[in-house]
């Protein structure tokens, strides 16, 4: 059984933070736009790995009804002011 874990890996000139996903056995580096990040200390690398693992497992926040928002949907809502769900038009409330 896989465990969610984090670790700091020493590399040339710093540390890389790695995390393991619950459904995979591989280690994944902390990346920004597909580029592995380099940290000054082991502690900073572990903290970044923990935050990346948490974002992966829980997403960027809790959404209603288990839906995921997308950039395309948000842009469409900006343009049209409403979303369409199963043929019904639902007005978008801006706060």
C-alpha atoms as a PDB file:
ATOM      1  CA  UNK A   1       0.000   0.000   0.000  1.00  0.00           C
ATOM      2  CA  UNK A   2       1.338   3.422  -0.925  1.00  0.00           C
ATOM      3  CA  UNK A   3       1.834   6.175   1.594  1.00  0.00           C
ATOM      4  CA  UNK A   4       1.762   9.900   0.994  1.00  0.00           C
ATOM      5  CA  UNK A   5       5.302  10.996   1.861  1.00  0.00           C
ATOM      6  CA  UNK A   6       7.630  13.935   1.320  1.00  0.00           C
ATOM      7  CA  UNK A   7      11.403  14.129   1.203  1.00  0.00           C
ATOM      8  CA  UNK A   8      14.223  16.521   0.396  1.00  0.00           C
ATOM      9  CA  UNK A   9      16.852  15.346  -2.079  1.00  0.00           C
ATOM     10  CA  UNK A  10      20.278  17.018  -2.118  1.00  0.00           C
ATOM     11  CA  UNK A  11      21.272  18.193  -5.591  1.00  0.00           C
ATOM     12  CA  UNK A  12      24.069  20.391  -6.863  1.00  0.00           C
ATOM     13  CA  UNK A  13      23.749  23.827  -5.260  1.00  0.00           C
ATOM     14  CA  UNK A  14      20.621  23.142  -3.155  1.00  0.00           C
ATOM     15  CA  UNK A  15      17.730  20.797  -2.411  1.00  0.00           C
ATOM     16  CA  UNK A  16      14.775  19.471  -4.377  1.00  0.00           C
ATOM     17  CA  UNK A  17      11.480  18.663  -2.691  1.00  0.00           C
ATOM     18  CA  UNK A  18       9.837  15.384  -3.726  1.00  0.00           C
ATOM     19  CA  UNK A  19       6.443  13.935  -2.821  1.00  0.00           C
ATOM     20  CA  UNK A  20       4.690  10.648  -3.381  1.00  0.00           C
ATOM     21  CA  UNK A  21       1.057  10.434  -4.444  1.00  0.00           C
ATOM     22  CA  UNK A  22      -1.366   8.050  -2.787  1.00  0.00           C
ATOM     23  CA  UNK A  23      -2.106   6.122  -5.977  1.00  0.00           C
ATOM     24  CA  UNK A  24       1.475   5.998  -7.353  1.00  0.00           C
ATOM     25  CA  UNK A  25       4.703   4.538  -6.023  1.00  0.00           C
ATOM     26  CA  UNK A  26       6.979   7.026  -7.835  1.00  0.00           C
ATOM     27  CA  UNK A  27       8.436  10.204  -6.350  1.00  0.00           C
ATOM     28  CA  UNK A  28       7.497  13.500  -8.033  1.00  0.00           C
ATOM     29  CA  UNK A  29       9.546  16.712  -7.746  1.00  0.00           C
ATOM     30  CA  UNK A  30       8.002  20.048  -6.831  1.00  0.00           C
ATOM     31  CA  UNK A  31       7.593  21.767 -10.197  1.00  0.00           C
ATOM     32  CA  UNK A  32       6.472  25.152 -11.471  1.00  0.00           C
ATOM     33  CA  UNK A  33       5.453  25.106 -15.136  1.00  0.00           C
ATOM     34  CA  UNK A  34       7.125  21.716 -15.553  1.00  0.00           C
ATOM     35  CA  UNK A  35      10.497  22.821 -14.104  1.00  0.00           C
ATOM     36  CA  UNK A  36      11.766  21.232 -10.885  1.00  0.00           C
ATOM     37  CA  UNK A  37      12.393  23.873  -8.226  1.00  0.00           C
ATOM     38  CA  UNK A  38      15.632  24.288  -6.271  1.00  0.00           C
ATOM     39  CA  UNK A  39      15.510  25.292  -2.585  1.00  0.00           C
ATOM     40  CA  UNK A  40      18.163  26.744  -0.292  1.00  0.00           C
ATOM     41  CA  UNK A  41      17.582  24.444   2.679  1.00  0.00           C
ATOM     42  CA  UNK A  42      16.300  20.958   3.349  1.00  0.00           C
ATOM     43  CA  UNK A  43      13.437  22.326   5.458  1.00  0.00           C
ATOM     44  CA  UNK A  44      12.196  24.663   2.696  1.00  0.00           C
ATOM     45  CA  UNK A  45      12.277  21.770   0.222  1.00  0.00           C
ATOM     46  CA  UNK A  46      10.226  19.551   2.556  1.00  0.00           C
ATOM     47  CA  UNK A  47       7.681  22.298   3.210  1.00  0.00           C
ATOM     48  CA  UNK A  48       7.267  22.941  -0.537  1.00  0.00           C
ATOM     49  CA  UNK A  49       6.894  19.192  -1.170  1.00  0.00           C
ATOM     50  CA  UNK A  50       4.238  18.922   1.537  1.00  0.00           C
ATOM     51  CA  UNK A  51       2.323  21.885   0.061  1.00  0.00           C
ATOM     52  CA  UNK A  52       2.560  20.427  -3.474  1.00  0.00           C
ATOM     53  CA  UNK A  53       1.326  17.043  -2.234  1.00  0.00           C
ATOM     54  CA  UNK A  54      -1.574  18.687  -0.414  1.00  0.00           C
ATOM     55  CA  UNK A  55      -2.525  20.705  -3.521  1.00  0.00           C
ATOM     56  CA  UNK A  56      -2.409  17.526  -5.612  1.00  0.00           C
ATOM     57  CA  UNK A  57      -4.594  15.498  -3.251  1.00  0.00           C
ATOM     58  CA  UNK A  58      -7.101  18.185  -2.296  1.00  0.00           C
ATOM     59  CA  UNK A  59      -6.965  20.616  -5.209  1.00  0.00           C
ATOM     60  CA  UNK A  60      -7.033  24.382  -4.828  1.00  0.00           C
ATOM     61  CA  UNK A  61     -10.191  24.378  -2.747  1.00  0.00           C
ATOM     62  CA  UNK A  62     -13.541  22.758  -2.178  1.00  0.00           C
ATOM     63  CA  UNK A  63     -16.075  23.277  -4.952  1.00  0.00           C
ATOM     64  CA  UNK A  64     -19.801  22.759  -4.784  1.00  0.00           C
ATOM     65  CA  UNK A  65     -21.208  19.425  -5.926  1.00  0.00           C
ATOM     66  CA  UNK A  66     -17.752  18.000  -6.618  1.00  0.00           C
ATOM     67  CA  UNK A  67     -17.321  20.064  -9.768  1.00  0.00           C
ATOM     68  CA  UNK A  68     -13.993  21.373 -10.999  1.00  0.00           C
ATOM     69  CA  UNK A  69     -13.723  24.834 -12.417  1.00  0.00           C
ATOM     70  CA  UNK A  70     -11.816  25.417 -15.595  1.00  0.00           C
ATOM     71  CA  UNK A  71     -10.333  28.475 -17.239  1.00  0.00           C
ATOM     72  CA  UNK A  72     -12.539  27.967 -20.303  1.00  0.00           C
ATOM     73  CA  UNK A  73     -15.694  27.808 -18.200  1.00  0.00           C
ATOM     74  CA  UNK A  74     -14.729  30.923 -16.228  1.00  0.00           C
ATOM     75  CA  UNK A  75     -14.034  32.779 -19.462  1.00  0.00           C
ATOM     76  CA  UNK A  76     -17.383  31.665 -20.889  1.00  0.00           C
ATOM     77  CA  UNK A  77     -19.151  32.861 -17.742  1.00  0.00           C
ATOM     78  CA  UNK A  78     -17.440  36.244 -18.091  1.00  0.00           C
ATOM     79  CA  UNK A  79     -18.595  36.530 -21.700  1.00  0.00           C
ATOM     80  CA  UNK A  80     -22.145  35.255 -21.361  1.00  0.00           C
ATOM     81  CA  UNK A  81     -23.030  35.886 -17.710  1.00  0.00           C
ATOM     82  CA  UNK A  82     -24.607  32.448 -17.281  1.00  0.00           C
ATOM     83  CA  UNK A  83     -23.733  28.791 -17.427  1.00  0.00           C
ATOM     84  CA  UNK A  84     -25.675  26.005 -19.030  1.00  0.00           C
ATOM     85  CA  UNK A  85     -26.308  22.755 -17.194  1.00  0.00           C
ATOM     86  CA  UNK A  86     -28.282  19.999 -18.928  1.00  0.00           C
ATOM     87  CA  UNK A  87     -30.126  22.438 -21.143  1.00  0.00           C
ATOM     88  CA  UNK A  88     -31.091  24.841 -18.349  1.00  0.00           C
ATOM     89  CA  UNK A  89     -29.708  28.335 -18.158  1.00  0.00           C
ATOM     90  CA  UNK A  90     -28.415  29.220 -14.676  1.00  0.00           C
ATOM     91  CA  UNK A  91     -27.628  32.844 -13.920  1.00  0.00           C
ATOM     92  CA  UNK A  92     -24.164  33.510 -12.535  1.00  0.00           C
ATOM     93  CA  UNK A  93     -24.010  35.520  -9.320  1.00  0.00           C
ATOM     94  CA  UNK A  94     -20.913  37.680  -9.037  1.00  0.00           C
ATOM     95  CA  UNK A  95     -19.707  38.634  -5.569  1.00  0.00           C
END
